[in-house]
């Protein structure tokens, strides 16, 4: 995989196909001291929601390997961050709609 410092990168899926992905955000956990990346391949599920994935990675590597999330606590932390971001986006969209009506 390409260096994850870029916004777009390519991964090889379980069928051996190259898939272009886009990094949504990265963070380092103070609790686990691991680095996480949350990303999407911009595909949608049956309900029309954009699919989002998360993995552990080591920053600064030329060829980065994505590692699976290991615990429920890690998944819960990522979900909390996603919830905050979704709420911020929702609020900014509502504010923009109000600006258009004025």
PDB file of N, CA and C in Angstrom:
ATOM      1  N   UNK A   1       0.838  -1.178   0.000  1.00  0.00           N
ATOM      2  CA  UNK A   1       0.000   0.000   0.000  1.00  0.00           C
ATOM      3  C   UNK A   1       0.881   1.238   0.000  1.00  0.00           C
ATOM      4  N   UNK A   2       0.357   2.308  -0.564  1.00  0.00           N
ATOM      5  CA  UNK A   2       1.077   3.578  -0.590  1.00  0.00           C
ATOM      6  C   UNK A   2       1.203   4.155   0.804  1.00  0.00           C
ATOM      7  N   UNK A   3       2.058   5.153   0.955  1.00  0.00           N
ATOM      8  CA  UNK A   3       2.244   5.857   2.215  1.00  0.00           C
ATOM      9  C   UNK A   3       0.928   6.489   2.646  1.00  0.00           C
ATOM     10  N   UNK A   4       0.517   6.301   3.890  1.00  0.00           N
ATOM     11  CA  UNK A   4      -0.771   6.777   4.374  1.00  0.00           C
ATOM     12  C   UNK A   4      -0.791   8.258   4.702  1.00  0.00           C
ATOM     13  N   UNK A   5       0.300   8.959   4.515  1.00  0.00           N
ATOM     14  CA  UNK A   5       0.279  10.396   4.740  1.00  0.00           C
ATOM     15  C   UNK A   5      -0.495  11.087   3.629  1.00  0.00           C
ATOM     16  N   UNK A   6      -0.680  10.402   2.517  1.00  0.00           N
ATOM     17  CA  UNK A   6      -1.478  10.926   1.426  1.00  0.00           C
ATOM     18  C   UNK A   6      -2.952  10.705   1.743  1.00  0.00           C
ATOM     19  N   UNK A   7      -3.826  11.511   1.149  1.00  0.00           N
ATOM     20  CA  UNK A   7      -5.257  11.346   1.377  1.00  0.00           C
ATOM     21  C   UNK A   7      -5.804  10.130   0.649  1.00  0.00           C
ATOM     22  N   UNK A   8      -5.291   9.841  -0.551  1.00  0.00           N
ATOM     23  CA  UNK A   8      -5.760   8.688  -1.321  1.00  0.00           C
ATOM     24  C   UNK A   8      -4.658   7.642  -1.358  1.00  0.00           C
ATOM     25  N   UNK A   9      -5.086   6.399  -1.282  1.00  0.00           N
ATOM     26  CA  UNK A   9      -4.130   5.297  -1.309  1.00  0.00           C
ATOM     27  C   UNK A   9      -4.825   4.068  -1.859  1.00  0.00           C
ATOM     28  N   UNK A  10      -4.051   3.077  -2.206  1.00  0.00           N
ATOM     29  CA  UNK A  10      -4.583   1.859  -2.800  1.00  0.00           C
ATOM     30  C   UNK A  10      -4.362   0.690  -1.849  1.00  0.00           C
ATOM     31  N   UNK A  11      -5.384  -0.126  -1.685  1.00  0.00           N
ATOM     32  CA  UNK A  11      -5.273  -1.353  -0.904  1.00  0.00           C
ATOM     33  C   UNK A  11      -5.629  -2.524  -1.811  1.00  0.00           C
ATOM     34  N   UNK A  12      -5.195  -3.698  -1.421  1.00  0.00           N
ATOM     35  CA  UNK A  12      -5.559  -4.920  -2.129  1.00  0.00           C
ATOM     36  C   UNK A  12      -6.588  -5.627  -1.262  1.00  0.00           C
ATOM     37  N   UNK A  13      -7.789  -5.848  -1.826  1.00  0.00           N
ATOM     38  CA  UNK A  13      -8.856  -6.469  -1.037  1.00  0.00           C
ATOM     39  C   UNK A  13      -8.676  -7.979  -0.954  1.00  0.00           C
ATOM     40  N   UNK A  14      -9.621  -8.643  -0.308  1.00  0.00           N
ATOM     41  CA  UNK A  14      -9.506 -10.086  -0.081  1.00  0.00           C
ATOM     42  C   UNK A  14      -9.565 -10.899  -1.370  1.00  0.00           C
ATOM     43  N   UNK A  15     -10.089 -10.304  -2.459  1.00  0.00           N
ATOM     44  CA  UNK A  15     -10.111 -10.989  -3.750  1.00  0.00           C
ATOM     45  C   UNK A  15      -8.861 -10.691  -4.584  1.00  0.00           C
ATOM     46  N   UNK A  16      -7.913  -9.936  -4.024  1.00  0.00           N
ATOM     47  CA  UNK A  16      -6.688  -9.609  -4.736  1.00  0.00           C
ATOM     48  C   UNK A  16      -6.813  -8.429  -5.676  1.00  0.00           C
ATOM     49  N   UNK A  17      -7.929  -7.694  -5.601  1.00  0.00           N
ATOM     50  CA  UNK A  17      -8.142  -6.537  -6.467  1.00  0.00           C
ATOM     51  C   UNK A  17      -7.641  -5.271  -5.780  1.00  0.00           C
ATOM     52  N   UNK A  18      -7.064  -4.362  -6.582  1.00  0.00           N
ATOM     53  CA  UNK A  18      -6.645  -3.076  -6.047  1.00  0.00           C
ATOM     54  C   UNK A  18      -7.855  -2.157  -5.951  1.00  0.00           C
ATOM     55  N   UNK A  19      -8.013  -1.513  -4.797  1.00  0.00           N
ATOM     56  CA  UNK A  19      -9.142  -0.625  -4.548  1.00  0.00           C
ATOM     57  C   UNK A  19      -8.584   0.712  -4.066  1.00  0.00           C
ATOM     58  N   UNK A  20      -9.029   1.808  -4.702  1.00  0.00           N
ATOM     59  CA  UNK A  20      -8.598   3.130  -4.264  1.00  0.00           C
ATOM     60  C   UNK A  20      -9.437   3.557  -3.070  1.00  0.00           C
ATOM     61  N   UNK A  21      -8.759   4.027  -2.023  1.00  0.00           N
ATOM     62  CA  UNK A  21      -9.422   4.458  -0.802  1.00  0.00           C
ATOM     63  C   UNK A  21      -9.022   5.889  -0.486  1.00  0.00           C
ATOM     64  N   UNK A  22      -9.811   6.517   0.366  1.00  0.00           N
ATOM     65  CA  UNK A  22      -9.546   7.885   0.786  1.00  0.00           C
ATOM     66  C   UNK A  22      -9.524   7.939   2.308  1.00  0.00           C
ATOM     67  N   UNK A  23      -8.448   8.490   2.862  1.00  0.00           N
ATOM     68  CA  UNK A  23      -8.334   8.635   4.309  1.00  0.00           C
ATOM     69  C   UNK A  23      -9.299   9.711   4.784  1.00  0.00           C
ATOM     70  N   UNK A  24     -10.089   9.400   5.799  1.00  0.00           N
ATOM     71  CA  UNK A  24     -11.001  10.373   6.388  1.00  0.00           C
ATOM     72  C   UNK A  24     -10.320  11.101   7.538  1.00  0.00           C
ATOM     73  N   UNK A  25      -9.676  10.327   8.424  1.00  0.00           N
ATOM     74  CA  UNK A  25      -8.871  10.921   9.482  1.00  0.00           C
ATOM     75  C   UNK A  25      -7.958   9.874  10.085  1.00  0.00           C
ATOM     76  N   UNK A  26      -6.948  10.365  10.808  1.00  0.00           N
ATOM     77  CA  UNK A  26      -5.971   9.521  11.497  1.00  0.00           C
ATOM     78  C   UNK A  26      -5.841  10.043  12.918  1.00  0.00           C
ATOM     79  N   UNK A  27      -5.520   9.161  13.841  1.00  0.00           N
ATOM     80  CA  UNK A  27      -5.246   9.614  15.198  1.00  0.00           C
ATOM     81  C   UNK A  27      -4.402   8.584  15.925  1.00  0.00           C
ATOM     82  N   UNK A  28      -3.723   9.067  16.975  1.00  0.00           N
ATOM     83  CA  UNK A  28      -2.966   8.182  17.850  1.00  0.00           C
ATOM     84  C   UNK A  28      -3.692   8.131  19.182  1.00  0.00           C
ATOM     85  N   UNK A  29      -3.902   6.939  19.694  1.00  0.00           N
ATOM     86  CA  UNK A  29      -4.593   6.762  20.966  1.00  0.00           C
ATOM     87  C   UNK A  29      -3.611   6.881  22.116  1.00  0.00           C
ATOM     88  N   UNK A  30      -3.971   7.707  23.097  1.00  0.00           N
ATOM     89  CA  UNK A  30      -3.156   7.824  24.307  1.00  0.00           C
ATOM     90  C   UNK A  30      -3.209   6.542  25.131  1.00  0.00           C
ATOM     91  N   UNK A  31      -4.341   5.819  25.045  1.00  0.00           N
ATOM     92  CA  UNK A  31      -4.494   4.596  25.830  1.00  0.00           C
ATOM     93  C   UNK A  31      -3.682   3.429  25.263  1.00  0.00           C
ATOM     94  N   UNK A  32      -3.785   3.217  23.943  1.00  0.00           N
ATOM     95  CA  UNK A  32      -3.140   2.044  23.338  1.00  0.00           C
ATOM     96  C   UNK A  32      -1.771   2.365  22.736  1.00  0.00           C
ATOM     97  N   UNK A  33      -1.504   3.662  22.522  1.00  0.00           N
ATOM     98  CA  UNK A  33      -0.273   4.120  21.860  1.00  0.00           C
ATOM     99  C   UNK A  33      -0.149   3.550  20.440  1.00  0.00           C
ATOM    100  N   UNK A  34      -1.309   3.311  19.823  1.00  0.00           N
ATOM    101  CA  UNK A  34      -1.350   2.847  18.445  1.00  0.00           C
ATOM    102  C   UNK A  34      -1.894   3.970  17.570  1.00  0.00           C
ATOM    103  N   UNK A  35      -1.550   3.905  16.282  1.00  0.00           N
ATOM    104  CA  UNK A  35      -2.067   4.856  15.298  1.00  0.00           C
ATOM    105  C   UNK A  35      -3.180   4.180  14.512  1.00  0.00           C
ATOM    106  N   UNK A  36      -4.257   4.944  14.297  1.00  0.00           N
ATOM    107  CA  UNK A  36      -5.418   4.427  13.597  1.00  0.00           C
ATOM    108  C   UNK A  36      -5.699   5.286  12.381  1.00  0.00           C
ATOM    109  N   UNK A  37      -6.233   4.652  11.349  1.00  0.00           N
ATOM    110  CA  UNK A  37      -6.697   5.373  10.174  1.00  0.00           C
ATOM    111  C   UNK A  37      -8.130   4.931   9.910  1.00  0.00           C
ATOM    112  N   UNK A  38      -8.983   5.915   9.633  1.00  0.00           N
ATOM    113  CA  UNK A  38     -10.360   5.649   9.258  1.00  0.00           C
ATOM    114  C   UNK A  38     -10.480   6.095   7.808  1.00  0.00           C
ATOM    115  N   UNK A  39     -11.008   5.225   6.955  1.00  0.00           N
ATOM    116  CA  UNK A  39     -10.995   5.488   5.519  1.00  0.00           C
ATOM    117  C   UNK A  39     -12.222   4.899   4.845  1.00  0.00           C
ATOM    118  N   UNK A  40     -12.409   5.267   3.593  1.00  0.00           N
ATOM    119  CA  UNK A  40     -13.532   4.759   2.813  1.00  0.00           C
ATOM    120  C   UNK A  40     -13.060   4.421   1.406  1.00  0.00           C
ATOM    121  N   UNK A  41     -13.772   3.490   0.788  1.00  0.00           N
ATOM    122  CA  UNK A  41     -13.552   3.210  -0.633  1.00  0.00           C
ATOM    123  C   UNK A  41     -14.655   3.871  -1.462  1.00  0.00           C
ATOM    124  N   UNK A  42     -15.464   4.698  -0.798  1.00  0.00           N
ATOM    125  CA  UNK A  42     -16.573   5.446  -1.400  1.00  0.00           C
ATOM    126  C   UNK A  42     -17.647   4.548  -1.994  1.00  0.00           C
ATOM    127  N   UNK A  43     -17.700   3.288  -1.561  1.00  0.00           N
ATOM    128  CA  UNK A  43     -18.803   2.421  -1.962  1.00  0.00           C
ATOM    129  C   UNK A  43     -19.935   2.606  -0.955  1.00  0.00           C
ATOM    130  N   UNK A  44     -21.119   2.116  -1.316  1.00  0.00           N
ATOM    131  CA  UNK A  44     -22.268   2.262  -0.433  1.00  0.00           C
ATOM    132  C   UNK A  44     -22.863   0.907  -0.106  1.00  0.00           C
ATOM    133  N   UNK A  45     -23.464   0.830   1.084  1.00  0.00           N
ATOM    134  CA  UNK A  45     -24.149  -0.395   1.476  1.00  0.00           C
ATOM    135  C   UNK A  45     -25.562  -0.409   0.907  1.00  0.00           C
ATOM    136  N   UNK A  46     -26.337  -1.408   1.268  1.00  0.00           N
ATOM    137  CA  UNK A  46     -27.688  -1.571   0.736  1.00  0.00           C
ATOM    138  C   UNK A  46     -28.605  -0.405   1.096  1.00  0.00           C
ATOM    139  N   UNK A  47     -28.300   0.310   2.191  1.00  0.00           N
ATOM    140  CA  UNK A  47     -29.136   1.418   2.651  1.00  0.00           C
ATOM    141  C   UNK A  47     -28.658   2.772   2.116  1.00  0.00           C
ATOM    142  N   UNK A  48     -27.615   2.755   1.300  1.00  0.00           N
ATOM    143  CA  UNK A  48     -27.106   3.996   0.725  1.00  0.00           C
ATOM    144  C   UNK A  48     -26.087   4.715   1.582  1.00  0.00           C
ATOM    145  N   UNK A  49     -25.638   4.085   2.665  1.00  0.00           N
ATOM    146  CA  UNK A  49     -24.614   4.681   3.527  1.00  0.00           C
ATOM    147  C   UNK A  49     -23.227   4.393   2.972  1.00  0.00           C
ATOM    148  N   UNK A  50     -22.347   5.374   3.056  1.00  0.00           N
ATOM    149  CA  UNK A  50     -20.970   5.182   2.609  1.00  0.00           C
ATOM    150  C   UNK A  50     -20.262   4.228   3.558  1.00  0.00           C
ATOM    151  N   UNK A  51     -19.585   3.240   3.000  1.00  0.00           N
ATOM    152  CA  UNK A  51     -18.845   2.279   3.819  1.00  0.00           C
ATOM    153  C   UNK A  51     -17.580   2.949   4.365  1.00  0.00           C
ATOM    154  N   UNK A  52     -17.346   2.747   5.661  1.00  0.00           N
ATOM    155  CA  UNK A  52     -16.181   3.307   6.338  1.00  0.00           C
ATOM    156  C   UNK A  52     -15.455   2.169   7.029  1.00  0.00           C
ATOM    157  N   UNK A  53     -14.133   2.190   6.943  1.00  0.00           N
ATOM    158  CA  UNK A  53     -13.295   1.148   7.526  1.00  0.00           C
ATOM    159  C   UNK A  53     -12.283   1.794   8.470  1.00  0.00           C
ATOM    160  N   UNK A  54     -11.731   0.990   9.369  1.00  0.00           N
ATOM    161  CA  UNK A  54     -10.697   1.473  10.274  1.00  0.00           C
ATOM    162  C   UNK A  54      -9.649   0.390  10.455  1.00  0.00           C
ATOM    163  N   UNK A  55      -8.410   0.835  10.589  1.00  0.00           N
ATOM    164  CA  UNK A  55      -7.299  -0.094  10.778  1.00  0.00           C
ATOM    165  C   UNK A  55      -6.225   0.562  11.628  1.00  0.00           C
ATOM    166  N   UNK A  56      -5.344  -0.280  12.127  1.00  0.00           N
ATOM    167  CA  UNK A  56      -4.143   0.177  12.826  1.00  0.00           C
ATOM    168  C   UNK A  56      -3.041   0.279  11.777  1.00  0.00           C
ATOM    169  N   UNK A  57      -2.189   1.308  11.889  1.00  0.00           N
ATOM    170  CA  UNK A  57      -1.062   1.431  10.966  1.00  0.00           C
ATOM    171  C   UNK A  57       0.117   2.063  11.689  1.00  0.00           C
ATOM    172  N   UNK A  58       1.289   1.958  11.076  1.00  0.00           N
ATOM    173  CA  UNK A  58       2.498   2.585  11.598  1.00  0.00           C
ATOM    174  C   UNK A  58       2.871   3.723  10.666  1.00  0.00           C
ATOM    175  N   UNK A  59       2.816   4.979  11.151  1.00  0.00           N
ATOM    176  CA  UNK A  59       3.119   6.115  10.271  1.00  0.00           C
ATOM    177  C   UNK A  59       4.585   6.139   9.854  1.00  0.00           C
ATOM    178  N   UNK A  60       4.818   6.726   8.683  1.00  0.00           N
ATOM    179  CA  UNK A  60       6.180   6.927   8.208  1.00  0.00           C
ATOM    180  C   UNK A  60       6.766   5.783   7.421  1.00  0.00           C
ATOM    181  N   UNK A  61       6.068   4.671   7.305  1.00  0.00           N
ATOM    182  CA  UNK A  61       6.585   3.554   6.523  1.00  0.00           C
ATOM    183  C   UNK A  61       6.314   3.794   5.048  1.00  0.00           C
ATOM    184  N   UNK A  62       7.265   3.395   4.208  1.00  0.00           N
ATOM    185  CA  UNK A  62       7.086   3.569   2.762  1.00  0.00           C
ATOM    186  C   UNK A  62       5.938   2.701   2.254  1.00  0.00           C
ATOM    187  N   UNK A  63       5.919   1.458   2.654  1.00  0.00           N
ATOM    188  CA  UNK A  63       4.832   0.531   2.301  1.00  0.00           C
ATOM    189  C   UNK A  63       4.124   0.179   3.605  1.00  0.00           C
ATOM    190  N   UNK A  64       2.996   0.800   3.834  1.00  0.00           N
ATOM    191  CA  UNK A  64       2.280   0.621   5.087  1.00  0.00           C
ATOM    192  C   UNK A  64       1.373  -0.593   5.014  1.00  0.00           C
ATOM    193  N   UNK A  65       1.342  -1.347   6.098  1.00  0.00           N
ATOM    194  CA  UNK A  65       0.461  -2.504   6.199  1.00  0.00           C
ATOM    195  C   UNK A  65      -0.654  -2.150   7.181  1.00  0.00           C
ATOM    196  N   UNK A  66      -1.903  -2.321   6.746  1.00  0.00           N
ATOM    197  CA  UNK A  66      -3.034  -2.090   7.626  1.00  0.00           C
ATOM    198  C   UNK A  66      -3.251  -3.331   8.485  1.00  0.00           C
ATOM    199  N   UNK A  67      -3.382  -3.105   9.780  1.00  0.00           N
ATOM    200  CA  UNK A  67      -3.601  -4.194  10.726  1.00  0.00           C
ATOM    201  C   UNK A  67      -5.030  -4.111  11.248  1.00  0.00           C
ATOM    202  N   UNK A  68      -5.640  -5.240  11.588  1.00  0.00           N
ATOM    203  CA  UNK A  68      -7.014  -5.203  12.082  1.00  0.00           C
ATOM    204  C   UNK A  68      -7.116  -4.572  13.477  1.00  0.00           C
ATOM    205  N   UNK A  69      -8.268  -3.965  13.748  1.00  0.00           N
ATOM    206  CA  UNK A  69      -8.567  -3.456  15.084  1.00  0.00           C
ATOM    207  C   UNK A  69      -8.749  -4.668  15.987  1.00  0.00           C
ATOM    208  N   UNK A  70      -8.169  -4.613  17.186  1.00  0.00           N
ATOM    209  CA  UNK A  70      -8.091  -5.814  18.006  1.00  0.00           C
ATOM    210  C   UNK A  70      -9.142  -5.939  19.103  1.00  0.00           C
ATOM    211  N   UNK A  71      -9.678  -4.826  19.587  1.00  0.00           N
ATOM    212  CA  UNK A  71     -10.570  -4.935  20.745  1.00  0.00           C
ATOM    213  C   UNK A  71     -11.844  -4.116  20.560  1.00  0.00           C
ATOM    214  N   UNK A  72     -12.853  -4.455  21.339  1.00  0.00           N
ATOM    215  CA  UNK A  72     -14.099  -3.683  21.350  1.00  0.00           C
ATOM    216  C   UNK A  72     -13.838  -2.260  21.831  1.00  0.00           C
ATOM    217  N   UNK A  73     -12.926  -2.095  22.774  1.00  0.00           N
ATOM    218  CA  UNK A  73     -12.609  -0.756  23.288  1.00  0.00           C
ATOM    219  C   UNK A  73     -12.061   0.132  22.172  1.00  0.00           C
ATOM    220  N   UNK A  74     -11.214  -0.430  21.305  1.00  0.00           N
ATOM    221  CA  UNK A  74     -10.685   0.333  20.175  1.00  0.00           C
ATOM    222  C   UNK A  74     -11.816   0.717  19.217  1.00  0.00           C
ATOM    223  N   UNK A  75     -12.701  -0.230  18.911  1.00  0.00           N
ATOM    224  CA  UNK A  75     -13.829   0.056  18.023  1.00  0.00           C
ATOM    225  C   UNK A  75     -14.738   1.120  18.626  1.00  0.00           C
ATOM    226  N   UNK A  76     -14.964   1.047  19.938  1.00  0.00           N
ATOM    227  CA  UNK A  76     -15.812   2.038  20.604  1.00  0.00           C
ATOM    228  C   UNK A  76     -15.220   3.433  20.507  1.00  0.00           C
ATOM    229  N   UNK A  77     -13.904   3.553  20.662  1.00  0.00           N
ATOM    230  CA  UNK A  77     -13.239   4.855  20.549  1.00  0.00           C
ATOM    231  C   UNK A  77     -13.415   5.417  19.141  1.00  0.00           C
ATOM    232  N   UNK A  78     -13.216   4.593  18.139  1.00  0.00           N
ATOM    233  CA  UNK A  78     -13.374   5.028  16.747  1.00  0.00           C
ATOM    234  C   UNK A  78     -14.820   5.440  16.495  1.00  0.00           C
ATOM    235  N   UNK A  79     -15.777   4.671  17.008  1.00  0.00           N
ATOM    236  CA  UNK A  79     -17.188   5.009  16.827  1.00  0.00           C
ATOM    237  C   UNK A  79     -17.520   6.345  17.491  1.00  0.00           C
ATOM    238  N   UNK A  80     -16.954   6.612  18.661  1.00  0.00           N
ATOM    239  CA  UNK A  80     -17.183   7.892  19.340  1.00  0.00           C
ATOM    240  C   UNK A  80     -16.694   9.052  18.480  1.00  0.00           C
ATOM    241  N   UNK A  81     -15.528   8.909  17.901  1.00  0.00           N
ATOM    242  CA  UNK A  81     -14.975   9.969  17.053  1.00  0.00           C
ATOM    243  C   UNK A  81     -15.856  10.157  15.821  1.00  0.00           C
ATOM    244  N   UNK A  82     -16.274   9.060  15.193  1.00  0.00           N
ATOM    245  CA  UNK A  82     -17.153   9.156  14.026  1.00  0.00           C
ATOM    246  C   UNK A  82     -18.476   9.847  14.374  1.00  0.00           C
ATOM    247  N   UNK A  83     -19.023   9.526  15.538  1.00  0.00           N
ATOM    248  CA  UNK A  83     -20.272  10.156  15.959  1.00  0.00           C
ATOM    249  C   UNK A  83     -20.113  11.662  16.103  1.00  0.00           C
ATOM    250  N   UNK A  84     -19.006  12.108  16.693  1.00  0.00           N
ATOM    251  CA  UNK A  84     -18.750  13.547  16.861  1.00  0.00           C
ATOM    252  C   UNK A  84     -18.611  14.211  15.493  1.00  0.00           C
ATOM    253  N   UNK A  85     -17.869  13.591  14.597  1.00  0.00           N
ATOM    254  CA  UNK A  85     -17.674  14.162  13.266  1.00  0.00           C
ATOM    255  C   UNK A  85     -19.001  14.242  12.515  1.00  0.00           C
ATOM    256  N   UNK A  86     -19.813  13.194  12.589  1.00  0.00           N
ATOM    257  CA  UNK A  86     -21.113  13.214  11.915  1.00  0.00           C
ATOM    258  C   UNK A  86     -21.997  14.326  12.464  1.00  0.00           C
ATOM    259  N   UNK A  87     -21.973  14.532  13.763  1.00  0.00           N
ATOM    260  CA  UNK A  87     -22.779  15.595  14.361  1.00  0.00           C
ATOM    261  C   UNK A  87     -22.283  16.966  13.905  1.00  0.00           C
ATOM    262  N   UNK A  88     -20.967  17.144  13.823  1.00  0.00           N
ATOM    263  CA  UNK A  88     -20.407  18.414  13.354  1.00  0.00           C
ATOM    264  C   UNK A  88     -20.800  18.674  11.901  1.00  0.00           C
ATOM    265  N   UNK A  89     -20.755  17.654  11.068  1.00  0.00           N
ATOM    266  CA  UNK A  89     -21.149  17.801   9.661  1.00  0.00           C
ATOM    267  C   UNK A  89     -22.629  18.144   9.573  1.00  0.00           C
ATOM    268  N   UNK A  90     -23.436  17.442  10.342  1.00  0.00           N
ATOM    269  CA  UNK A  90     -24.884  17.694  10.342  1.00  0.00           C
ATOM    270  C   UNK A  90     -25.170  19.140  10.752  1.00  0.00           C
ATOM    271  N   UNK A  91     -24.517  19.620  11.803  1.00  0.00           N
ATOM    272  CA  UNK A  91     -24.721  20.991  12.267  1.00  0.00           C
ATOM    273  C   UNK A  91     -24.264  22.005  11.228  1.00  0.00           C
ATOM    274  N   UNK A  92     -23.132  21.747  10.585  1.00  0.00           N
ATOM    275  CA  UNK A  92     -22.641  22.700   9.584  1.00  0.00           C
ATOM    276  C   UNK A  92     -23.557  22.730   8.361  1.00  0.00           C
ATOM    277  N   UNK A  93     -24.130  21.577   8.000  1.00  0.00           N
ATOM    278  CA  UNK A  93     -25.055  21.538   6.873  1.00  0.00           C
ATOM    279  C   UNK A  93     -26.344  22.292   7.215  1.00  0.00           C
ATOM    280  N   UNK A  94     -26.827  22.144   8.437  1.00  0.00           N
ATOM    281  CA  UNK A  94     -28.023  22.867   8.862  1.00  0.00           C
ATOM    282  C   UNK A  94     -27.763  24.365   8.884  1.00  0.00           C
ATOM    283  N   UNK A  95     -26.572  24.758   9.317  1.00  0.00           N
ATOM    284  CA  UNK A  95     -26.205  26.174   9.323  1.00  0.00           C
ATOM    285  C   UNK A  95     -26.107  26.729   7.917  1.00  0.00           C
ATOM    286  N   UNK A  96     -25.588  25.946   6.999  1.00  0.00           N
ATOM    287  CA  UNK A  96     -25.474  26.387   5.604  1.00  0.00           C
ATOM    288  C   UNK A  96     -26.847  26.539   4.969  1.00  0.00           C
ATOM    289  N   UNK A  97     -27.762  25.641   5.302  1.00  0.00           N
ATOM    290  CA  UNK A  97     -29.121  25.748   4.773  1.00  0.00           C
ATOM    291  C   UNK A  97     -29.797  27.010   5.292  1.00  0.00           C
ATOM    292  N   UNK A  98     -29.551  27.349   6.544  1.00  0.00           N
ATOM    293  CA  UNK A  98     -30.118  28.568   7.122  1.00  0.00           C
ATOM    294  C   UNK A  98     -29.569  29.804   6.458  1.00  0.00           C
ATOM    295  N   UNK A  99     -28.274  29.767   6.106  1.00  0.00           N
ATOM    296  CA  UNK A  99     -27.642  30.895   5.416  1.00  0.00           C
ATOM    297  C   UNK A  99     -28.250  31.102   4.036  1.00  0.00           C
ATOM    298  N   UNK A 100     -28.577  29.991   3.343  1.00  0.00           N
ATOM    299  CA  UNK A 100     -29.152  30.085   2.004  1.00  0.00           C
ATOM    300  C   UNK A 100     -30.547  30.685   2.041  1.00  0.00           C
ATOM    301  N   UNK A 101     -31.284  30.446   3.108  1.00  0.00           N
ATOM    302  CA  UNK A 101     -32.643  30.934   3.202  1.00  0.00           C
ATOM    303  C   UNK A 101     -32.690  32.412   3.573  1.00  0.00           C
ATOM    304  N   UNK A 102     -31.622  32.925   4.160  1.00  0.00           N
ATOM    305  CA  UNK A 102     -31.600  34.325   4.609  1.00  0.00           C
ATOM    306  C   UNK A 102     -31.472  35.292   3.458  1.00  0.00           C
TER     307      UNK A 102
END
